[in-house]
Amino acid sequence: MKYFLLLASLASSLLGARAQDQPASKPIVSVGIYGPSANVGLQVEQRLGRHFSLGAFGIRQLSSDFRGYQGALVGRYYFRPTAPTGLYVQALVGFFNTRATVVSYYPGATSAARSELTAQGSGGGLGLGYQWRFAQHFTATLGLGIKAYPTSLGTCDCAYERDWHAIGQPGSVLDGQLSIGYAL
């Protein structure tokens, strides 16, 4: 949680320092699904110039096997001078804190031992997406990308419940976003 507050304070200071020659734009607040698994999130995005925007988001992981939080700062470059709408590329830096169920298999054992593991890490990612603006205040966003939050979980003869890389949890290489937003 302290990492999310740190990212939010950094985002607010950067948003306050945006260029003064650009017309003021209102922030967009979006809610949606993040990643290819059961993750829901909230994102705030602010235009910084004709092509650039900066955002911050927080995600709650709802999977029964991976419960936790993610937070990130996102910088986007929009190819048309109509930020924050249209085709964009993005870079993000963020962190995660999650709890996972670890299954350990020992030679000769008749059953597997299950234990809870808490993992924390930070990393970044790249993505490509499109943000539509419709009506006067509403947006829809669709994005895909890669994300890596490398962390050392130690060494053991263990397996995680299901495949944590395939379902988009921390450490995953697949990332995505489908969200609906409102320009304040």
C-alpha atoms as a PDB file:
ATOM      1  CA  MET A   1       0.000   0.000   0.000  1.00  0.00           C
ATOM      2  CA  LYS A   2       2.866   2.382   0.760  1.00  0.00           C
ATOM      3  CA  TYR A   3       4.186   1.824  -2.773  1.00  0.00           C
ATOM      4  CA  PHE A   4       0.817   2.803  -4.248  1.00  0.00           C
ATOM      5  CA  LEU A   5       0.718   5.983  -2.142  1.00  0.00           C
ATOM      6  CA  LEU A   6       4.261   6.816  -3.268  1.00  0.00           C
ATOM      7  CA  LEU A   7       3.300   6.287  -6.928  1.00  0.00           C
ATOM      8  CA  ALA A   8       0.135   8.375  -6.490  1.00  0.00           C
ATOM      9  CA  SER A   9       2.058  11.280  -4.943  1.00  0.00           C
ATOM     10  CA  LEU A  10       4.656  11.130  -7.734  1.00  0.00           C
ATOM     11  CA  ALA A  11       1.880  11.118 -10.348  1.00  0.00           C
ATOM     12  CA  SER A  12       0.163  14.132  -8.786  1.00  0.00           C
ATOM     13  CA  SER A  13       3.402  16.132  -8.719  1.00  0.00           C
ATOM     14  CA  LEU A  14       4.102  15.279 -12.360  1.00  0.00           C
ATOM     15  CA  LEU A  15       0.550  16.141 -13.370  1.00  0.00           C
ATOM     16  CA  GLY A  16       0.905  19.535 -11.704  1.00  0.00           C
ATOM     17  CA  ALA A  17       4.060  20.227 -13.716  1.00  0.00           C
ATOM     18  CA  ARG A  18       2.476  19.734 -17.166  1.00  0.00           C
ATOM     19  CA  ALA A  19       3.173  22.234 -19.935  1.00  0.00           C
ATOM     20  CA  GLN A  20       1.313  25.518 -19.594  1.00  0.00           C
ATOM     21  CA  ASP A  21       0.974  26.136 -23.359  1.00  0.00           C
ATOM     22  CA  GLN A  22      -1.455  23.232 -23.801  1.00  0.00           C
ATOM     23  CA  PRO A  23      -5.167  23.643 -23.215  1.00  0.00           C
ATOM     24  CA  ALA A  24      -6.270  22.192 -19.922  1.00  0.00           C
ATOM     25  CA  SER A  25      -7.818  18.759 -20.150  1.00  0.00           C
ATOM     26  CA  LYS A  26      -9.770  16.894 -17.568  1.00  0.00           C
ATOM     27  CA  PRO A  27      -8.498  13.649 -16.079  1.00  0.00           C
ATOM     28  CA  ILE A  28     -10.074  10.385 -17.168  1.00  0.00           C
ATOM     29  CA  VAL A  29     -11.035   7.916 -14.446  1.00  0.00           C
ATOM     30  CA  SER A  30     -11.417   4.339 -15.724  1.00  0.00           C
ATOM     31  CA  VAL A  31     -12.497   1.053 -14.190  1.00  0.00           C
ATOM     32  CA  GLY A  32     -11.972  -2.274 -15.863  1.00  0.00           C
ATOM     33  CA  ILE A  33     -10.302  -5.638 -16.196  1.00  0.00           C
ATOM     34  CA  TYR A  34      -6.500  -5.686 -16.219  1.00  0.00           C
ATOM     35  CA  GLY A  35      -4.514  -8.733 -17.325  1.00  0.00           C
ATOM     36  CA  PRO A  36      -5.924 -12.012 -18.633  1.00  0.00           C
ATOM     37  CA  SER A  37      -7.126 -13.226 -15.225  1.00  0.00           C
ATOM     38  CA  ALA A  38      -9.421 -12.078 -12.443  1.00  0.00           C
ATOM     39  CA  ASN A  39      -7.985  -8.596 -11.850  1.00  0.00           C
ATOM     40  CA  VAL A  40     -10.065  -5.439 -11.527  1.00  0.00           C
ATOM     41  CA  GLY A  41      -8.612  -1.973 -11.362  1.00  0.00           C
ATOM     42  CA  LEU A  42      -8.981   1.775 -11.254  1.00  0.00           C
ATOM     43  CA  GLN A  43      -6.906   4.118 -13.433  1.00  0.00           C
ATOM     44  CA  VAL A  44      -6.556   7.901 -13.569  1.00  0.00           C
ATOM     45  CA  GLU A  45      -5.029   9.416 -16.730  1.00  0.00           C
ATOM     46  CA  GLN A  46      -4.120  13.062 -17.385  1.00  0.00           C
ATOM     47  CA  ARG A  47      -3.055  14.655 -20.662  1.00  0.00           C
ATOM     48  CA  LEU A  48       0.393  16.279 -20.485  1.00  0.00           C
ATOM     49  CA  GLY A  49       0.661  17.566 -24.040  1.00  0.00           C
ATOM     50  CA  ARG A  50      -0.696  17.038 -27.532  1.00  0.00           C
ATOM     51  CA  HIS A  51       0.675  13.487 -27.721  1.00  0.00           C
ATOM     52  CA  PHE A  52       1.450  12.514 -24.119  1.00  0.00           C
ATOM     53  CA  SER A  53      -0.424  11.459 -21.010  1.00  0.00           C
ATOM     54  CA  LEU A  54       0.522  10.148 -17.592  1.00  0.00           C
ATOM     55  CA  GLY A  55      -1.578   7.829 -15.496  1.00  0.00           C
ATOM     56  CA  ALA A  56      -1.575   5.801 -12.315  1.00  0.00           C
ATOM     57  CA  PHE A  57      -3.525   2.640 -11.640  1.00  0.00           C
ATOM     58  CA  GLY A  58      -4.208   0.190  -8.875  1.00  0.00           C
ATOM     59  CA  ILE A  59      -5.308  -3.418  -9.380  1.00  0.00           C
ATOM     60  CA  ARG A  60      -6.901  -5.913  -7.016  1.00  0.00           C
ATOM     61  CA  GLN A  61      -6.211  -9.554  -7.869  1.00  0.00           C
ATOM     62  CA  LEU A  62      -9.347 -11.607  -7.290  1.00  0.00           C
ATOM     63  CA  SER A  63      -8.052 -15.084  -8.171  1.00  0.00           C
ATOM     64  CA  SER A  64      -8.506 -17.639  -5.398  1.00  0.00           C
ATOM     65  CA  ASP A  65      -4.916 -18.801  -5.981  1.00  0.00           C
ATOM     66  CA  PHE A  66      -3.294 -15.359  -6.188  1.00  0.00           C
ATOM     67  CA  ARG A  67      -4.660 -12.651  -3.936  1.00  0.00           C
ATOM     68  CA  GLY A  68      -3.020  -9.266  -3.810  1.00  0.00           C
ATOM     69  CA  TYR A  69      -2.493  -5.819  -5.273  1.00  0.00           C
ATOM     70  CA  GLN A  70      -0.594  -4.131  -8.083  1.00  0.00           C
ATOM     71  CA  GLY A  71       0.080  -0.456  -8.726  1.00  0.00           C
ATOM     72  CA  ALA A  72       1.870   1.388 -11.537  1.00  0.00           C
ATOM     73  CA  LEU A  73       2.672   4.676 -13.229  1.00  0.00           C
ATOM     74  CA  VAL A  74       1.901   4.630 -16.956  1.00  0.00           C
ATOM     75  CA  GLY A  75       3.266   6.985 -19.605  1.00  0.00           C
ATOM     76  CA  ARG A  76       1.492   6.969 -22.964  1.00  0.00           C
ATOM     77  CA  TYR A  77       2.396   8.407 -26.365  1.00  0.00           C
ATOM     78  CA  TYR A  78      -0.613   8.938 -28.651  1.00  0.00           C
ATOM     79  CA  PHE A  79       0.151   8.909 -32.385  1.00  0.00           C
ATOM     80  CA  ARG A  80      -2.420  11.594 -33.152  1.00  0.00           C
ATOM     81  CA  PRO A  81      -2.305  15.014 -31.453  1.00  0.00           C
ATOM     82  CA  THR A  82      -5.563  14.272 -29.664  1.00  0.00           C
ATOM     83  CA  ALA A  83      -4.290  12.723 -26.444  1.00  0.00           C
ATOM     84  CA  PRO A  84      -5.835  10.927 -24.641  1.00  0.00           C
ATOM     85  CA  THR A  85      -7.713   9.331 -27.564  1.00  0.00           C
ATOM     86  CA  GLY A  86      -6.565   7.128 -30.420  1.00  0.00           C
ATOM     87  CA  LEU A  87      -3.753   4.628 -30.907  1.00  0.00           C
ATOM     88  CA  TYR A  88      -1.014   4.709 -28.248  1.00  0.00           C
ATOM     89  CA  VAL A  89       2.132   2.991 -27.008  1.00  0.00           C
ATOM     90  CA  GLN A  90       2.755   2.879 -23.290  1.00  0.00           C
ATOM     91  CA  ALA A  91       5.520   2.190 -20.806  1.00  0.00           C
ATOM     92  CA  LEU A  92       4.830   1.399 -17.173  1.00  0.00           C
ATOM     93  CA  VAL A  93       6.740   0.953 -13.929  1.00  0.00           C
ATOM     94  CA  GLY A  94       5.069  -0.628 -10.964  1.00  0.00           C
ATOM     95  CA  PHE A  95       5.019  -3.034  -8.052  1.00  0.00           C
ATOM     96  CA  PHE A  96       3.009  -5.972  -6.761  1.00  0.00           C
ATOM     97  CA  ASN A  97       2.250  -7.671  -3.467  1.00  0.00           C
ATOM     98  CA  THR A  98       0.547 -11.052  -3.693  1.00  0.00           C
ATOM     99  CA  ARG A  99      -0.115 -14.222  -1.741  1.00  0.00           C
ATOM    100  CA  ALA A 100       0.038 -17.553  -3.551  1.00  0.00           C
ATOM    101  CA  THR A 101      -0.547 -21.182  -2.665  1.00  0.00           C
ATOM    102  CA  VAL A 102       2.644 -23.227  -3.093  1.00  0.00           C
ATOM    103  CA  VAL A 103       2.502 -26.999  -3.519  1.00  0.00           C
ATOM    104  CA  SER A 104       5.721 -28.850  -2.559  1.00  0.00           C
ATOM    105  CA  TYR A 105       6.385 -32.376  -3.789  1.00  0.00           C
ATOM    106  CA  TYR A 106       8.945 -34.408  -1.867  1.00  0.00           C
ATOM    107  CA  PRO A 107      10.381 -37.750  -3.067  1.00  0.00           C
ATOM    108  CA  GLY A 108       8.677 -40.660  -1.321  1.00  0.00           C
ATOM    109  CA  ALA A 109       5.895 -38.522   0.156  1.00  0.00           C
ATOM    110  CA  THR A 110       2.350 -39.779  -0.291  1.00  0.00           C
ATOM    111  CA  SER A 111       0.855 -36.305  -0.536  1.00  0.00           C
ATOM    112  CA  ALA A 112       1.930 -32.800  -1.417  1.00  0.00           C
ATOM    113  CA  ALA A 113       2.495 -30.123   1.197  1.00  0.00           C
ATOM    114  CA  ARG A 114       0.621 -26.856   0.649  1.00  0.00           C
ATOM    115  CA  SER A 115       1.738 -23.544   2.061  1.00  0.00           C
ATOM    116  CA  GLU A 116       1.029 -19.854   1.603  1.00  0.00           C
ATOM    117  CA  LEU A 117       3.704 -17.615   0.094  1.00  0.00           C
ATOM    118  CA  THR A 118       3.780 -13.820   0.110  1.00  0.00           C
ATOM    119  CA  ALA A 119       5.741 -12.265  -2.755  1.00  0.00           C
ATOM    120  CA  GLN A 120       6.582  -8.636  -3.483  1.00  0.00           C
ATOM    121  CA  GLY A 121       8.395  -7.137  -6.421  1.00  0.00           C
ATOM    122  CA  SER A 122       8.655  -4.323  -8.909  1.00  0.00           C
ATOM    123  CA  GLY A 123       9.225  -4.086 -12.626  1.00  0.00           C
ATOM    124  CA  GLY A 124       7.836  -2.636 -15.807  1.00  0.00           C
ATOM    125  CA  GLY A 125       6.273  -3.254 -19.174  1.00  0.00           C
ATOM    126  CA  LEU A 126       5.383  -2.034 -22.648  1.00  0.00           C
ATOM    127  CA  GLY A 127       2.058  -2.045 -24.451  1.00  0.00           C
ATOM    128  CA  LEU A 128       0.008  -0.961 -27.429  1.00  0.00           C
ATOM    129  CA  GLY A 129      -3.629   0.063 -27.275  1.00  0.00           C
ATOM    130  CA  TYR A 130      -6.474   2.216 -28.460  1.00  0.00           C
ATOM    131  CA  GLN A 131      -8.690   4.567 -26.480  1.00  0.00           C
ATOM    132  CA  TRP A 132     -12.027   5.657 -27.924  1.00  0.00           C
ATOM    133  CA  ARG A 133     -13.932   8.701 -26.760  1.00  0.00           C
ATOM    134  CA  PHE A 134     -17.680   8.679 -27.224  1.00  0.00           C
ATOM    135  CA  ALA A 135     -20.522  10.871 -26.084  1.00  0.00           C
ATOM    136  CA  GLN A 136     -18.933  13.860 -24.383  1.00  0.00           C
ATOM    137  CA  HIS A 137     -17.311  12.338 -21.349  1.00  0.00           C
ATOM    138  CA  PHE A 138     -16.999   8.559 -21.857  1.00  0.00           C
ATOM    139  CA  THR A 139     -14.033   6.477 -23.039  1.00  0.00           C
ATOM    140  CA  ALA A 140     -13.360   2.821 -23.803  1.00  0.00           C
ATOM    141  CA  THR A 141      -9.833   1.397 -23.750  1.00  0.00           C
ATOM    142  CA  LEU A 142      -8.429  -1.832 -25.167  1.00  0.00           C
ATOM    143  CA  GLY A 143      -4.737  -2.633 -24.757  1.00  0.00           C
ATOM    144  CA  LEU A 144      -2.255  -5.515 -24.962  1.00  0.00           C
ATOM    145  CA  GLY A 145       1.364  -5.750 -23.930  1.00  0.00           C
ATOM    146  CA  ILE A 146       4.105  -7.422 -21.965  1.00  0.00           C
ATOM    147  CA  LYS A 147       4.904  -6.935 -18.305  1.00  0.00           C
ATOM    148  CA  ALA A 148       7.654  -8.356 -16.104  1.00  0.00           C
ATOM    149  CA  TYR A 149       7.853  -8.058 -12.327  1.00  0.00           C
ATOM    150  CA  PRO A 150      10.944 -10.181 -11.645  1.00  0.00           C
ATOM    151  CA  THR A 151      11.317 -11.393  -8.091  1.00  0.00           C
ATOM    152  CA  SER A 152      13.217 -14.189  -6.422  1.00  0.00           C
ATOM    153  CA  LEU A 153      10.938 -16.700  -4.754  1.00  0.00           C
ATOM    154  CA  GLY A 154      13.877 -18.796  -3.565  1.00  0.00           C
ATOM    155  CA  THR A 155      14.616 -22.348  -4.620  1.00  0.00           C
ATOM    156  CA  CYS A 156      12.525 -25.394  -3.837  1.00  0.00           C
ATOM    157  CA  ASP A 157      10.961 -28.428  -5.464  1.00  0.00           C
ATOM    158  CA  CYS A 158       7.627 -26.713  -5.593  1.00  0.00           C
ATOM    159  CA  ALA A 159       4.888 -25.839  -8.018  1.00  0.00           C
ATOM    160  CA  TYR A 160       2.278 -23.105  -7.848  1.00  0.00           C
ATOM    161  CA  GLU A 161      -1.427 -23.771  -7.984  1.00  0.00           C
ATOM    162  CA  ARG A 162      -2.135 -23.578 -11.687  1.00  0.00           C
ATOM    163  CA  ASP A 163       0.360 -21.799 -13.933  1.00  0.00           C
ATOM    164  CA  TRP A 164       0.877 -18.319 -12.517  1.00  0.00           C
ATOM    165  CA  HIS A 165       2.667 -17.087 -15.659  1.00  0.00           C
ATOM    166  CA  ALA A 166      -0.167 -18.194 -17.947  1.00  0.00           C
ATOM    167  CA  ILE A 167      -2.932 -16.523 -15.949  1.00  0.00           C
ATOM    168  CA  GLY A 168      -1.381 -13.051 -15.890  1.00  0.00           C
ATOM    169  CA  GLN A 169      -0.256 -12.754 -12.297  1.00  0.00           C
ATOM    170  CA  PRO A 170       2.959 -10.999 -11.192  1.00  0.00           C
ATOM    171  CA  GLY A 171       5.930 -12.289 -13.142  1.00  0.00           C
ATOM    172  CA  SER A 172       3.761 -12.765 -16.214  1.00  0.00           C
ATOM    173  CA  VAL A 173       4.784 -11.680 -19.676  1.00  0.00           C
ATOM    174  CA  LEU A 174       1.222 -11.114 -20.899  1.00  0.00           C
ATOM    175  CA  ASP A 175      -0.700  -7.968 -20.012  1.00  0.00           C
ATOM    176  CA  GLY A 176      -3.965  -6.453 -21.118  1.00  0.00           C
ATOM    177  CA  GLN A 177      -6.629  -3.872 -20.351  1.00  0.00           C
ATOM    178  CA  LEU A 178     -10.317  -3.530 -21.116  1.00  0.00           C
ATOM    179  CA  SER A 179     -11.885  -0.556 -19.376  1.00  0.00           C
ATOM    180  CA  ILE A 180     -14.576   2.097 -19.463  1.00  0.00           C
ATOM    181  CA  GLY A 181     -13.729   5.631 -18.357  1.00  0.00           C
ATOM    182  CA  TYR A 182     -15.272   8.991 -17.602  1.00  0.00           C
ATOM    183  CA  ALA A 183     -13.607  12.366 -18.270  1.00  0.00           C
ATOM    184  CA  LEU A 184     -14.297  14.545 -15.246  1.00  0.00           C
END
